[in-house]
Amino acid sequence: MIYAATVEEVEERRQAFLRKWWVRHWAVADCLEEAREALFAFTQLPPSQWKSARTTNAIERRHEEFKRRIKTQTVLPSDATAAMLVWALLASGQITMRRVDGWKTLTQASETKETIDLAA
């Protein structure tokens, strides 16, 4: 569903999933319906940004590298130390950032005027 090219295709795939699984696993179908807004919030963004919005790989990679670096230390002296470590890893090239897909359209307003729940 999340890899559909249009909002309409997302909805078609969601409906097909519900038709297939409602009878055999109604709890799964109910769960999908409950989380619908959060799961498909990325569709409110321009389509060029969908790939970056539906994945957390970039964040997870930085977190993994940061955890690996501080594994030998039990405590960092302060939050400033943690920030310095992250920036040092970025500056040295040990962690690289890739460009966000759809970065040219980041300034565009979403098609709907609804606020996107960033915590979802």
PDB file of N, CA and C in Angstrom:
ATOM      1  N   MET A   1       0.806  -1.197   0.000  1.00  0.00           N
ATOM      2  CA  MET A   1       0.000   0.000   0.000  1.00  0.00           C
ATOM      3  C   MET A   1       0.851   1.262   0.000  1.00  0.00           C
ATOM      4  N   ILE A   2       1.900   1.277   0.827  1.00  0.00           N
ATOM      5  CA  ILE A   2       2.679   2.512   0.943  1.00  0.00           C
ATOM      6  C   ILE A   2       3.559   2.775  -0.266  1.00  0.00           C
ATOM      7  N   TYR A   3       3.719   1.788  -1.132  1.00  0.00           N
ATOM      8  CA  TYR A   3       4.548   1.989  -2.321  1.00  0.00           C
ATOM      9  C   TYR A   3       3.720   2.342  -3.556  1.00  0.00           C
ATOM     10  N   ALA A   4       2.456   2.633  -3.373  1.00  0.00           N
ATOM     11  CA  ALA A   4       1.603   3.044  -4.484  1.00  0.00           C
ATOM     12  C   ALA A   4       2.059   4.414  -4.993  1.00  0.00           C
ATOM     13  N   ALA A   5       1.760   4.692  -6.239  1.00  0.00           N
ATOM     14  CA  ALA A   5       2.220   5.935  -6.860  1.00  0.00           C
ATOM     15  C   ALA A   5       1.293   7.116  -6.614  1.00  0.00           C
ATOM     16  N   THR A   6       0.026   6.860  -6.332  1.00  0.00           N
ATOM     17  CA  THR A   6      -0.937   7.949  -6.128  1.00  0.00           C
ATOM     18  C   THR A   6      -1.776   7.676  -4.892  1.00  0.00           C
ATOM     19  N   VAL A   7      -2.455   8.713  -4.421  1.00  0.00           N
ATOM     20  CA  VAL A   7      -3.343   8.572  -3.271  1.00  0.00           C
ATOM     21  C   VAL A   7      -4.473   7.596  -3.605  1.00  0.00           C
ATOM     22  N   GLU A   8      -4.974   7.690  -4.814  1.00  0.00           N
ATOM     23  CA  GLU A   8      -6.053   6.800  -5.238  1.00  0.00           C
ATOM     24  C   GLU A   8      -5.601   5.342  -5.227  1.00  0.00           C
ATOM     25  N   GLU A   9      -4.382   5.100  -5.666  1.00  0.00           N
ATOM     26  CA  GLU A   9      -3.855   3.732  -5.676  1.00  0.00           C
ATOM     27  C   GLU A   9      -3.642   3.221  -4.253  1.00  0.00           C
ATOM     28  N   VAL A  10      -3.212   4.082  -3.356  1.00  0.00           N
ATOM     29  CA  VAL A  10      -3.075   3.707  -1.942  1.00  0.00           C
ATOM     30  C   VAL A  10      -4.432   3.244  -1.424  1.00  0.00           C
ATOM     31  N   GLU A  11      -5.471   4.018  -1.713  1.00  0.00           N
ATOM     32  CA  GLU A  11      -6.817   3.692  -1.252  1.00  0.00           C
ATOM     33  C   GLU A  11      -7.318   2.392  -1.877  1.00  0.00           C
ATOM     34  N   GLU A  12      -7.065   2.181  -3.153  1.00  0.00           N
ATOM     35  CA  GLU A  12      -7.469   0.933  -3.813  1.00  0.00           C
ATOM     36  C   GLU A  12      -6.802  -0.268  -3.156  1.00  0.00           C
ATOM     37  N   ARG A  13      -5.512  -0.148  -2.896  1.00  0.00           N
ATOM     38  CA  ARG A  13      -4.778  -1.264  -2.270  1.00  0.00           C
ATOM     39  C   ARG A  13      -5.261  -1.506  -0.845  1.00  0.00           C
ATOM     40  N   ARG A  14      -5.588  -0.439  -0.127  1.00  0.00           N
ATOM     41  CA  ARG A  14      -6.096  -0.579   1.235  1.00  0.00           C
ATOM     42  C   ARG A  14      -7.426  -1.311   1.224  1.00  0.00           C
ATOM     43  N   GLN A  15      -8.312  -0.914   0.313  1.00  0.00           N
ATOM     44  CA  GLN A  15      -9.617  -1.571   0.194  1.00  0.00           C
ATOM     45  C   GLN A  15      -9.456  -3.048  -0.182  1.00  0.00           C
ATOM     46  N   ALA A  16      -8.538  -3.338  -1.093  1.00  0.00           N
ATOM     47  CA  ALA A  16      -8.301  -4.729  -1.494  1.00  0.00           C
ATOM     48  C   ALA A  16      -7.792  -5.558  -0.311  1.00  0.00           C
ATOM     49  N   PHE A  17      -6.906  -4.984   0.479  1.00  0.00           N
ATOM     50  CA  PHE A  17      -6.394  -5.669   1.661  1.00  0.00           C
ATOM     51  C   PHE A  17      -7.525  -5.965   2.639  1.00  0.00           C
ATOM     52  N   LEU A  18      -8.357  -4.961   2.884  1.00  0.00           N
ATOM     53  CA  LEU A  18      -9.470  -5.151   3.816  1.00  0.00           C
ATOM     54  C   LEU A  18     -10.438  -6.220   3.321  1.00  0.00           C
ATOM     55  N   ARG A  19     -10.764  -6.204   2.033  1.00  0.00           N
ATOM     56  CA  ARG A  19     -11.662  -7.229   1.478  1.00  0.00           C
ATOM     57  C   ARG A  19     -11.086  -8.627   1.670  1.00  0.00           C
ATOM     58  N   LYS A  20      -9.781  -8.757   1.468  1.00  0.00           N
ATOM     59  CA  LYS A  20      -9.141 -10.070   1.554  1.00  0.00           C
ATOM     60  C   LYS A  20      -9.053 -10.581   2.994  1.00  0.00           C
ATOM     61  N   TRP A  21      -8.724  -9.710   3.933  1.00  0.00           N
ATOM     62  CA  TRP A  21      -8.404 -10.165   5.277  1.00  0.00           C
ATOM     63  C   TRP A  21      -9.490  -9.938   6.329  1.00  0.00           C
ATOM     64  N   TRP A  22     -10.541  -9.224   5.997  1.00  0.00           N
ATOM     65  CA  TRP A  22     -11.557  -8.885   7.003  1.00  0.00           C
ATOM     66  C   TRP A  22     -12.176 -10.132   7.638  1.00  0.00           C
ATOM     67  N   VAL A  23     -12.523 -11.123   6.848  1.00  0.00           N
ATOM     68  CA  VAL A  23     -13.202 -12.307   7.371  1.00  0.00           C
ATOM     69  C   VAL A  23     -12.248 -13.183   8.186  1.00  0.00           C
ATOM     70  N   ARG A  24     -11.073 -13.441   7.670  1.00  0.00           N
ATOM     71  CA  ARG A  24     -10.147 -14.370   8.329  1.00  0.00           C
ATOM     72  C   ARG A  24      -9.411 -13.746   9.503  1.00  0.00           C
ATOM     73  N   HIS A  25      -9.033 -12.479   9.376  1.00  0.00           N
ATOM     74  CA  HIS A  25      -8.253 -11.822  10.434  1.00  0.00           C
ATOM     75  C   HIS A  25      -8.800 -10.418  10.659  1.00  0.00           C
ATOM     76  N   TRP A  26      -9.998 -10.345  11.185  1.00  0.00           N
ATOM     77  CA  TRP A  26     -10.664  -9.063  11.360  1.00  0.00           C
ATOM     78  C   TRP A  26      -9.901  -8.131  12.299  1.00  0.00           C
ATOM     79  N   ALA A  27      -9.140  -8.678  13.247  1.00  0.00           N
ATOM     80  CA  ALA A  27      -8.386  -7.840  14.182  1.00  0.00           C
ATOM     81  C   ALA A  27      -7.293  -7.062  13.443  1.00  0.00           C
ATOM     82  N   VAL A  28      -6.668  -7.700  12.469  1.00  0.00           N
ATOM     83  CA  VAL A  28      -5.637  -7.029  11.661  1.00  0.00           C
ATOM     84  C   VAL A  28      -6.274  -5.913  10.845  1.00  0.00           C
ATOM     85  N   ALA A  29      -7.403  -6.208  10.253  1.00  0.00           N
ATOM     86  CA  ALA A  29      -8.107  -5.201   9.452  1.00  0.00           C
ATOM     87  C   ALA A  29      -8.547  -4.027  10.324  1.00  0.00           C
ATOM     88  N   ASP A  30      -9.044  -4.315  11.520  1.00  0.00           N
ATOM     89  CA  ASP A  30      -9.432  -3.238  12.440  1.00  0.00           C
ATOM     90  C   ASP A  30      -8.235  -2.378  12.820  1.00  0.00           C
ATOM     91  N   CYS A  31      -7.111  -3.027  13.059  1.00  0.00           N
ATOM     92  CA  CYS A  31      -5.889  -2.307  13.423  1.00  0.00           C
ATOM     93  C   CYS A  31      -5.459  -1.371  12.288  1.00  0.00           C
ATOM     94  N   LEU A  32      -5.552  -1.847  11.055  1.00  0.00           N
ATOM     95  CA  LEU A  32      -5.210  -1.012   9.906  1.00  0.00           C
ATOM     96  C   LEU A  32      -6.137   0.193   9.826  1.00  0.00           C
ATOM     97  N   GLU A  33      -7.406  -0.022  10.060  1.00  0.00           N
ATOM     98  CA  GLU A  33      -8.368   1.080  10.012  1.00  0.00           C
ATOM     99  C   GLU A  33      -8.110   2.088  11.138  1.00  0.00           C
ATOM    100  N   GLU A  34      -7.756   1.601  12.329  1.00  0.00           N
ATOM    101  CA  GLU A  34      -7.465   2.493  13.457  1.00  0.00           C
ATOM    102  C   GLU A  34      -6.270   3.390  13.167  1.00  0.00           C
ATOM    103  N   ALA A  35      -5.240   2.818  12.572  1.00  0.00           N
ATOM    104  CA  ALA A  35      -3.989   3.545  12.331  1.00  0.00           C
ATOM    105  C   ALA A  35      -3.946   4.208  10.960  1.00  0.00           C
ATOM    106  N   ARG A  36      -5.057   4.224  10.269  1.00  0.00           N
ATOM    107  CA  ARG A  36      -5.103   4.711   8.890  1.00  0.00           C
ATOM    108  C   ARG A  36      -4.482   6.099   8.713  1.00  0.00           C
ATOM    109  N   GLU A  37      -4.900   7.070   9.521  1.00  0.00           N
ATOM    110  CA  GLU A  37      -4.398   8.437   9.366  1.00  0.00           C
ATOM    111  C   GLU A  37      -2.890   8.513   9.567  1.00  0.00           C
ATOM    112  N   ALA A  38      -2.393   7.841  10.576  1.00  0.00           N
ATOM    113  CA  ALA A  38      -0.954   7.876  10.859  1.00  0.00           C
ATOM    114  C   ALA A  38      -0.159   7.129   9.793  1.00  0.00           C
ATOM    115  N   LEU A  39      -0.664   5.992   9.349  1.00  0.00           N
ATOM    116  CA  LEU A  39       0.057   5.187   8.357  1.00  0.00           C
ATOM    117  C   LEU A  39       0.168   5.877   7.001  1.00  0.00           C
ATOM    118  N   PHE A  40      -0.864   6.596   6.641  1.00  0.00           N
ATOM    119  CA  PHE A  40      -0.896   7.195   5.313  1.00  0.00           C
ATOM    120  C   PHE A  40      -0.753   8.714   5.347  1.00  0.00           C
ATOM    121  N   ALA A  41      -0.192   9.252   6.423  1.00  0.00           N
ATOM    122  CA  ALA A  41       0.012  10.706   6.537  1.00  0.00           C
ATOM    123  C   ALA A  41       0.951  11.218   5.453  1.00  0.00           C
ATOM    124  N   PHE A  42       1.870  10.380   4.994  1.00  0.00           N
ATOM    125  CA  PHE A  42       2.818  10.810   3.959  1.00  0.00           C
ATOM    126  C   PHE A  42       2.128  11.211   2.666  1.00  0.00           C
ATOM    127  N   THR A  43       0.889  10.749   2.447  1.00  0.00           N
ATOM    128  CA  THR A  43       0.188  11.084   1.207  1.00  0.00           C
ATOM    129  C   THR A  43      -0.237  12.547   1.151  1.00  0.00           C
ATOM    130  N   GLN A  44      -0.138  13.259   2.267  1.00  0.00           N
ATOM    131  CA  GLN A  44      -0.460  14.685   2.286  1.00  0.00           C
ATOM    132  C   GLN A  44       0.696  15.522   1.743  1.00  0.00           C
ATOM    133  N   LEU A  45       1.858  14.917   1.606  1.00  0.00           N
ATOM    134  CA  LEU A  45       3.030  15.604   1.064  1.00  0.00           C
ATOM    135  C   LEU A  45       3.052  15.481  -0.453  1.00  0.00           C
ATOM    136  N   PRO A  46       3.873  16.307  -1.127  1.00  0.00           N
ATOM    137  CA  PRO A  46       4.033  16.120  -2.573  1.00  0.00           C
ATOM    138  C   PRO A  46       4.609  14.725  -2.850  1.00  0.00           C
ATOM    139  N   PRO A  47       4.167  14.054  -3.908  1.00  0.00           N
ATOM    140  CA  PRO A  47       4.621  12.685  -4.201  1.00  0.00           C
ATOM    141  C   PRO A  47       6.139  12.530  -4.273  1.00  0.00           C
ATOM    142  N   SER A  48       6.858  13.578  -4.642  1.00  0.00           N
ATOM    143  CA  SER A  48       8.314  13.473  -4.727  1.00  0.00           C
ATOM    144  C   SER A  48       8.958  13.252  -3.355  1.00  0.00           C
ATOM    145  N   GLN A  49       8.239  13.554  -2.282  1.00  0.00           N
ATOM    146  CA  GLN A  49       8.771  13.398  -0.928  1.00  0.00           C
ATOM    147  C   GLN A  49       8.314  12.116  -0.246  1.00  0.00           C
ATOM    148  N   TRP A  50       7.452  11.360  -0.884  1.00  0.00           N
ATOM    149  CA  TRP A  50       6.884  10.175  -0.245  1.00  0.00           C
ATOM    150  C   TRP A  50       7.936   9.182   0.195  1.00  0.00           C
ATOM    151  N   LYS A  51       8.932   8.909  -0.628  1.00  0.00           N
ATOM    152  CA  LYS A  51       9.942   7.896  -0.298  1.00  0.00           C
ATOM    153  C   LYS A  51      10.664   8.246   1.000  1.00  0.00           C
ATOM    154  N   SER A  52      11.079   9.488   1.145  1.00  0.00           N
ATOM    155  CA  SER A  52      11.778   9.895   2.362  1.00  0.00           C
ATOM    156  C   SER A  52      10.858   9.941   3.565  1.00  0.00           C
ATOM    157  N   ALA A  53       9.601  10.284   3.358  1.00  0.00           N
ATOM    158  CA  ALA A  53       8.655  10.407   4.469  1.00  0.00           C
ATOM    159  C   ALA A  53       8.229   9.064   5.039  1.00  0.00           C
ATOM    160  N   ARG A  54       8.231   8.015   4.235  1.00  0.00           N
ATOM    161  CA  ARG A  54       7.741   6.730   4.720  1.00  0.00           C
ATOM    162  C   ARG A  54       8.840   5.822   5.249  1.00  0.00           C
ATOM    163  N   THR A  55      10.068   6.280   5.301  1.00  0.00           N
ATOM    164  CA  THR A  55      11.158   5.460   5.820  1.00  0.00           C
ATOM    165  C   THR A  55      11.950   6.224   6.870  1.00  0.00           C
ATOM    166  N   THR A  56      12.540   5.492   7.785  1.00  0.00           N
ATOM    167  CA  THR A  56      13.374   6.109   8.817  1.00  0.00           C
ATOM    168  C   THR A  56      14.818   5.625   8.700  1.00  0.00           C
ATOM    169  N   ASN A  57      15.186   5.061   7.557  1.00  0.00           N
ATOM    170  CA  ASN A  57      16.527   4.506   7.396  1.00  0.00           C
ATOM    171  C   ASN A  57      17.629   5.520   7.690  1.00  0.00           C
ATOM    172  N   ALA A  58      17.476   6.750   7.240  1.00  0.00           N
ATOM    173  CA  ALA A  58      18.511   7.764   7.454  1.00  0.00           C
ATOM    174  C   ALA A  58      18.715   8.019   8.946  1.00  0.00           C
ATOM    175  N   ILE A  59      17.638   8.107   9.681  1.00  0.00           N
ATOM    176  CA  ILE A  59      17.723   8.342  11.123  1.00  0.00           C
ATOM    177  C   ILE A  59      18.313   7.121  11.816  1.00  0.00           C
ATOM    178  N   GLU A  60      17.845   5.947  11.452  1.00  0.00           N
ATOM    179  CA  GLU A  60      18.315   4.720  12.088  1.00  0.00           C
ATOM    180  C   GLU A  60      19.805   4.507  11.859  1.00  0.00           C
ATOM    181  N   ARG A  61      20.300   4.828  10.683  1.00  0.00           N
ATOM    182  CA  ARG A  61      21.725   4.661  10.382  1.00  0.00           C
ATOM    183  C   ARG A  61      22.575   5.554  11.284  1.00  0.00           C
ATOM    184  N   ARG A  62      22.180   6.805  11.462  1.00  0.00           N
ATOM    185  CA  ARG A  62      22.932   7.718  12.341  1.00  0.00           C
ATOM    186  C   ARG A  62      22.897   7.241  13.782  1.00  0.00           C
ATOM    187  N   HIS A  63      21.718   6.789  14.206  1.00  0.00           N
ATOM    188  CA  HIS A  63      21.569   6.301  15.568  1.00  0.00           C
ATOM    189  C   HIS A  63      22.450   5.079  15.808  1.00  0.00           C
ATOM    190  N   GLU A  64      22.484   4.169  14.846  1.00  0.00           N
ATOM    191  CA  GLU A  64      23.299   2.961  14.955  1.00  0.00           C
ATOM    192  C   GLU A  64      24.781   3.313  15.090  1.00  0.00           C
ATOM    193  N   GLU A  65      25.268   4.213  14.256  1.00  0.00           N
ATOM    194  CA  GLU A  65      26.673   4.615  14.297  1.00  0.00           C
ATOM    195  C   GLU A  65      26.992   5.330  15.607  1.00  0.00           C
ATOM    196  N   PHE A  66      26.087   6.188  16.054  1.00  0.00           N
ATOM    197  CA  PHE A  66      26.296   6.909  17.308  1.00  0.00           C
ATOM    198  C   PHE A  66      26.370   5.924  18.478  1.00  0.00           C
ATOM    199  N   LYS A  67      25.449   4.966  18.521  1.00  0.00           N
ATOM    200  CA  LYS A  67      25.470   3.956  19.583  1.00  0.00           C
ATOM    201  C   LYS A  67      26.765   3.156  19.566  1.00  0.00           C
ATOM    202  N   ARG A  68      27.252   2.821  18.371  1.00  0.00           N
ATOM    203  CA  ARG A  68      28.497   2.070  18.254  1.00  0.00           C
ATOM    204  C   ARG A  68      29.664   2.870  18.829  1.00  0.00           C
ATOM    205  N   ARG A  69      29.657   4.175  18.596  1.00  0.00           N
ATOM    206  CA  ARG A  69      30.746   5.033  19.073  1.00  0.00           C
ATOM    207  C   ARG A  69      30.749   5.209  20.579  1.00  0.00           C
ATOM    208  N   ILE A  70      29.575   5.259  21.192  1.00  0.00           N
ATOM    209  CA  ILE A  70      29.542   5.510  22.636  1.00  0.00           C
ATOM    210  C   ILE A  70      29.415   4.224  23.455  1.00  0.00           C
ATOM    211  N   LYS A  71      29.480   3.081  22.791  1.00  0.00           N
ATOM    212  CA  LYS A  71      29.308   1.795  23.471  1.00  0.00           C
ATOM    213  C   LYS A  71      30.322   1.597  24.607  1.00  0.00           C
ATOM    214  N   THR A  72      31.519   2.063  24.422  1.00  0.00           N
ATOM    215  CA  THR A  72      32.561   1.868  25.442  1.00  0.00           C
ATOM    216  C   THR A  72      32.433   2.844  26.600  1.00  0.00           C
ATOM    217  N   GLN A  73      31.674   3.901  26.403  1.00  0.00           N
ATOM    218  CA  GLN A  73      31.474   4.875  27.474  1.00  0.00           C
ATOM    219  C   GLN A  73      30.134   4.596  28.141  1.00  0.00           C
ATOM    220  N   THR A  74      30.128   4.629  29.456  1.00  0.00           N
ATOM    221  CA  THR A  74      28.867   4.379  30.141  1.00  0.00           C
ATOM    222  C   THR A  74      28.000   5.633  30.185  1.00  0.00           C
ATOM    223  N   VAL A  75      28.644   6.790  30.275  1.00  0.00           N
ATOM    224  CA  VAL A  75      27.895   8.047  30.367  1.00  0.00           C
ATOM    225  C   VAL A  75      28.667   9.130  29.623  1.00  0.00           C
ATOM    226  N   LEU A  76      27.958   9.963  28.899  1.00  0.00           N
ATOM    227  CA  LEU A  76      28.578  11.149  28.310  1.00  0.00           C
ATOM    228  C   LEU A  76      28.451  12.277  29.327  1.00  0.00           C
ATOM    229  N   PRO A  77      29.483  13.115  29.465  1.00  0.00           N
ATOM    230  CA  PRO A  77      29.472  14.158  30.490  1.00  0.00           C
ATOM    231  C   PRO A  77      28.295  15.133  30.388  1.00  0.00           C
ATOM    232  N   SER A  78      27.851  15.435  29.173  1.00  0.00           N
ATOM    233  CA  SER A  78      26.742  16.376  29.021  1.00  0.00           C
ATOM    234  C   SER A  78      26.079  16.193  27.658  1.00  0.00           C
ATOM    235  N   ASP A  79      24.939  16.864  27.488  1.00  0.00           N
ATOM    236  CA  ASP A  79      24.273  16.786  26.194  1.00  0.00           C
ATOM    237  C   ASP A  79      25.100  17.480  25.119  1.00  0.00           C
ATOM    238  N   ALA A  80      25.900  18.464  25.511  1.00  0.00           N
ATOM    239  CA  ALA A  80      26.777  19.146  24.555  1.00  0.00           C
ATOM    240  C   ALA A  80      27.827  18.177  24.001  1.00  0.00           C
ATOM    241  N   THR A  81      28.287  17.262  24.834  1.00  0.00           N
ATOM    242  CA  THR A  81      29.263  16.269  24.399  1.00  0.00           C
ATOM    243  C   THR A  81      28.651  15.353  23.333  1.00  0.00           C
ATOM    244  N   ALA A  82      27.415  14.958  23.546  1.00  0.00           N
ATOM    245  CA  ALA A  82      26.732  14.102  22.566  1.00  0.00           C
ATOM    246  C   ALA A  82      26.589  14.830  21.231  1.00  0.00           C
ATOM    247  N   ALA A  83      26.208  16.097  21.289  1.00  0.00           N
ATOM    248  CA  ALA A  83      26.074  16.888  20.063  1.00  0.00           C
ATOM    249  C   ALA A  83      27.417  17.028  19.354  1.00  0.00           C
ATOM    250  N   MET A  84      28.475  17.276  20.125  1.00  0.00           N
ATOM    251  CA  MET A  84      29.817  17.404  19.532  1.00  0.00           C
ATOM    252  C   MET A  84      30.235  16.108  18.854  1.00  0.00           C
ATOM    253  N   LEU A  85      29.929  14.979  19.478  1.00  0.00           N
ATOM    254  CA  LEU A  85      30.284  13.685  18.905  1.00  0.00           C
ATOM    255  C   LEU A  85      29.558  13.469  17.572  1.00  0.00           C
ATOM    256  N   VAL A  86      28.274  13.770  17.530  1.00  0.00           N
ATOM    257  CA  VAL A  86      27.519  13.608  16.283  1.00  0.00           C
ATOM    258  C   VAL A  86      28.108  14.491  15.193  1.00  0.00           C
ATOM    259  N   TRP A  87      28.361  15.766  15.503  1.00  0.00           N
ATOM    260  CA  TRP A  87      28.910  16.677  14.489  1.00  0.00           C
ATOM    261  C   TRP A  87      30.321  16.260  14.069  1.00  0.00           C
ATOM    262  N   ALA A  88      31.103  15.730  14.998  1.00  0.00           N
ATOM    263  CA  ALA A  88      32.450  15.262  14.655  1.00  0.00           C
ATOM    264  C   ALA A  88      32.377  14.076  13.692  1.00  0.00           C
ATOM    265  N   LEU A  89      31.431  13.168  13.929  1.00  0.00           N
ATOM    266  CA  LEU A  89      31.254  12.027  13.031  1.00  0.00           C
ATOM    267  C   LEU A  89      30.815  12.485  11.643  1.00  0.00           C
ATOM    268  N   LEU A  90      29.942  13.481  11.593  1.00  0.00           N
ATOM    269  CA  LEU A  90      29.512  14.029  10.303  1.00  0.00           C
ATOM    270  C   LEU A  90      30.664  14.734   9.593  1.00  0.00           C
ATOM    271  N   ALA A  91      31.408  15.565  10.335  1.00  0.00           N
ATOM    272  CA  ALA A  91      32.501  16.351   9.748  1.00  0.00           C
ATOM    273  C   ALA A  91      33.629  15.457   9.234  1.00  0.00           C
ATOM    274  N   SER A  92      33.887  14.367   9.922  1.00  0.00           N
ATOM    275  CA  SER A  92      34.976  13.477   9.518  1.00  0.00           C
ATOM    276  C   SER A  92      34.572  12.547   8.369  1.00  0.00           C
ATOM    277  N   GLY A  93      33.284  12.521   8.057  1.00  0.00           N
ATOM    278  CA  GLY A  93      32.819  11.662   6.972  1.00  0.00           C
ATOM    279  C   GLY A  93      32.535  10.238   7.407  1.00  0.00           C
ATOM    280  N   GLN A  94      32.620   9.962   8.701  1.00  0.00           N
ATOM    281  CA  GLN A  94      32.330   8.618   9.189  1.00  0.00           C
ATOM    282  C   GLN A  94      30.830   8.332   9.156  1.00  0.00           C
ATOM    283  N   ILE A  95      30.042   9.397   9.183  1.00  0.00           N
ATOM    284  CA  ILE A  95      28.605   9.310   8.958  1.00  0.00           C
ATOM    285  C   ILE A  95      28.319  10.257   7.800  1.00  0.00           C
ATOM    286  N   THR A  96      27.600   9.786   6.823  1.00  0.00           N
ATOM    287  CA  THR A  96      27.261  10.657   5.693  1.00  0.00           C
ATOM    288  C   THR A  96      25.751  10.837   5.627  1.00  0.00           C
ATOM    289  N   MET A  97      25.349  11.985   5.164  1.00  0.00           N
ATOM    290  CA  MET A  97      23.928  12.277   5.009  1.00  0.00           C
ATOM    291  C   MET A  97      23.609  12.242   3.520  1.00  0.00           C
ATOM    292  N   ARG A  98      22.539  11.596   3.166  1.00  0.00           N
ATOM    293  CA  ARG A  98      22.128  11.634   1.776  1.00  0.00           C
ATOM    294  C   ARG A  98      21.030  12.678   1.625  1.00  0.00           C
ATOM    295  N   ARG A  99      20.908  13.204   0.448  1.00  0.00           N
ATOM    296  CA  ARG A  99      19.906  14.218   0.185  1.00  0.00           C
ATOM    297  C   ARG A  99      18.509  13.611   0.313  1.00  0.00           C
ATOM    298  N   VAL A 100      17.619  14.344   0.918  1.00  0.00           N
ATOM    299  CA  VAL A 100      16.235  13.911   1.063  1.00  0.00           C
ATOM    300  C   VAL A 100      15.584  13.886  -0.315  1.00  0.00           C
ATOM    301  N   ASP A 101      14.901  12.793  -0.619  1.00  0.00           N
ATOM    302  CA  ASP A 101      14.183  12.721  -1.897  1.00  0.00           C
ATOM    303  C   ASP A 101      13.121  13.807  -1.918  1.00  0.00           C
ATOM    304  N   GLY A 102      13.008  14.491  -3.027  1.00  0.00           N
ATOM    305  CA  GLY A 102      12.014  15.544  -3.161  1.00  0.00           C
ATOM    306  C   GLY A 102      12.418  16.839  -2.491  1.00  0.00           C
ATOM    307  N   TRP A 103      13.709  17.024  -2.257  1.00  0.00           N
ATOM    308  CA  TRP A 103      14.176  18.208  -1.523  1.00  0.00           C
ATOM    309  C   TRP A 103      13.814  19.508  -2.217  1.00  0.00           C
ATOM    310  N   LYS A 104      13.653  19.487  -3.532  1.00  0.00           N
ATOM    311  CA  LYS A 104      13.295  20.715  -4.246  1.00  0.00           C
ATOM    312  C   LYS A 104      11.866  21.155  -3.954  1.00  0.00           C
ATOM    313  N   THR A 105      11.041  20.237  -3.487  1.00  0.00           N
ATOM    314  CA  THR A 105       9.645  20.564  -3.222  1.00  0.00           C
ATOM    315  C   THR A 105       9.347  20.734  -1.729  1.00  0.00           C
ATOM    316  N   LEU A 106      10.366  20.783  -0.895  1.00  0.00           N
ATOM    317  CA  LEU A 106      10.146  20.909   0.548  1.00  0.00           C
ATOM    318  C   LEU A 106       9.413  22.183   0.928  1.00  0.00           C
ATOM    319  N   THR A 107       9.555  23.227   0.136  1.00  0.00           N
ATOM    320  CA  THR A 107       8.906  24.499   0.470  1.00  0.00           C
ATOM    321  C   THR A 107       7.463  24.566  -0.011  1.00  0.00           C
ATOM    322  N   GLN A 108       7.029  23.586  -0.791  1.00  0.00           N
ATOM    323  CA  GLN A 108       5.646  23.582  -1.276  1.00  0.00           C
ATOM    324  C   GLN A 108       4.687  23.253  -0.149  1.00  0.00           C
ATOM    325  N   ALA A 109       3.553  23.908  -0.159  1.00  0.00           N
ATOM    326  CA  ALA A 109       2.513  23.602   0.818  1.00  0.00           C
ATOM    327  C   ALA A 109       1.872  22.270   0.446  1.00  0.00           C
ATOM    328  N   SER A 110       1.398  21.551   1.440  1.00  0.00           N
ATOM    329  CA  SER A 110       0.739  20.281   1.150  1.00  0.00           C
ATOM    330  C   SER A 110      -0.590  20.557   0.463  1.00  0.00           C
ATOM    331  N   GLU A 111      -1.099  19.547  -0.227  1.00  0.00           N
ATOM    332  CA  GLU A 111      -2.340  19.699  -0.974  1.00  0.00           C
ATOM    333  C   GLU A 111      -3.537  19.903  -0.049  1.00  0.00           C
ATOM    334  N   THR A 112      -3.473  19.327   1.135  1.00  0.00           N
ATOM    335  CA  THR A 112      -4.540  19.540   2.108  1.00  0.00           C
ATOM    336  C   THR A 112      -4.042  20.513   3.152  1.00  0.00           C
ATOM    337  N   LYS A 113      -4.935  21.150   3.818  1.00  0.00           N
ATOM    338  CA  LYS A 113      -4.566  22.136   4.837  1.00  0.00           C
ATOM    339  C   LYS A 113      -4.465  21.511   6.225  1.00  0.00           C
ATOM    340  N   GLU A 114      -4.556  20.178   6.290  1.00  0.00           N
ATOM    341  CA  GLU A 114      -4.463  19.491   7.575  1.00  0.00           C
ATOM    342  C   GLU A 114      -3.017  19.466   8.046  1.00  0.00           C
ATOM    343  N   THR A 115      -2.838  19.470   9.343  1.00  0.00           N
ATOM    344  CA  THR A 115      -1.514  19.367   9.928  1.00  0.00           C
ATOM    345  C   THR A 115      -1.109  17.900   9.972  1.00  0.00           C
ATOM    346  N   ILE A 116       0.119  17.625   9.605  1.00  0.00           N
ATOM    347  CA  ILE A 116       0.615  16.248   9.640  1.00  0.00           C
ATOM    348  C   ILE A 116       1.135  15.955  11.030  1.00  0.00           C
ATOM    349  N   ASP A 117       0.746  14.812  11.574  1.00  0.00           N
ATOM    350  CA  ASP A 117       1.207  14.385  12.883  1.00  0.00           C
ATOM    351  C   ASP A 117       2.621  13.858  12.752  1.00  0.00           C
ATOM    352  N   LEU A 118       3.609  14.660  13.138  1.00  0.00           N
ATOM    353  CA  LEU A 118       5.007  14.272  12.958  1.00  0.00           C
ATOM    354  C   LEU A 118       5.423  13.134  13.869  1.00  0.00           C
ATOM    355  N   ALA A 119       4.710  12.930  14.950  1.00  0.00           N
ATOM    356  CA  ALA A 119       5.039  11.845  15.862  1.00  0.00           C
ATOM    357  C   ALA A 119       4.629  10.497  15.302  1.00  0.00           C
ATOM    358  N   ALA A 120       3.734  10.498  14.345  1.00  0.00           N
ATOM    359  CA  ALA A 120       3.266   9.229  13.771  1.00  0.00           C
ATOM    360  C   ALA A 120       4.366   8.656  12.935  1.00  0.00           C
TER     361      ALA A 120
END
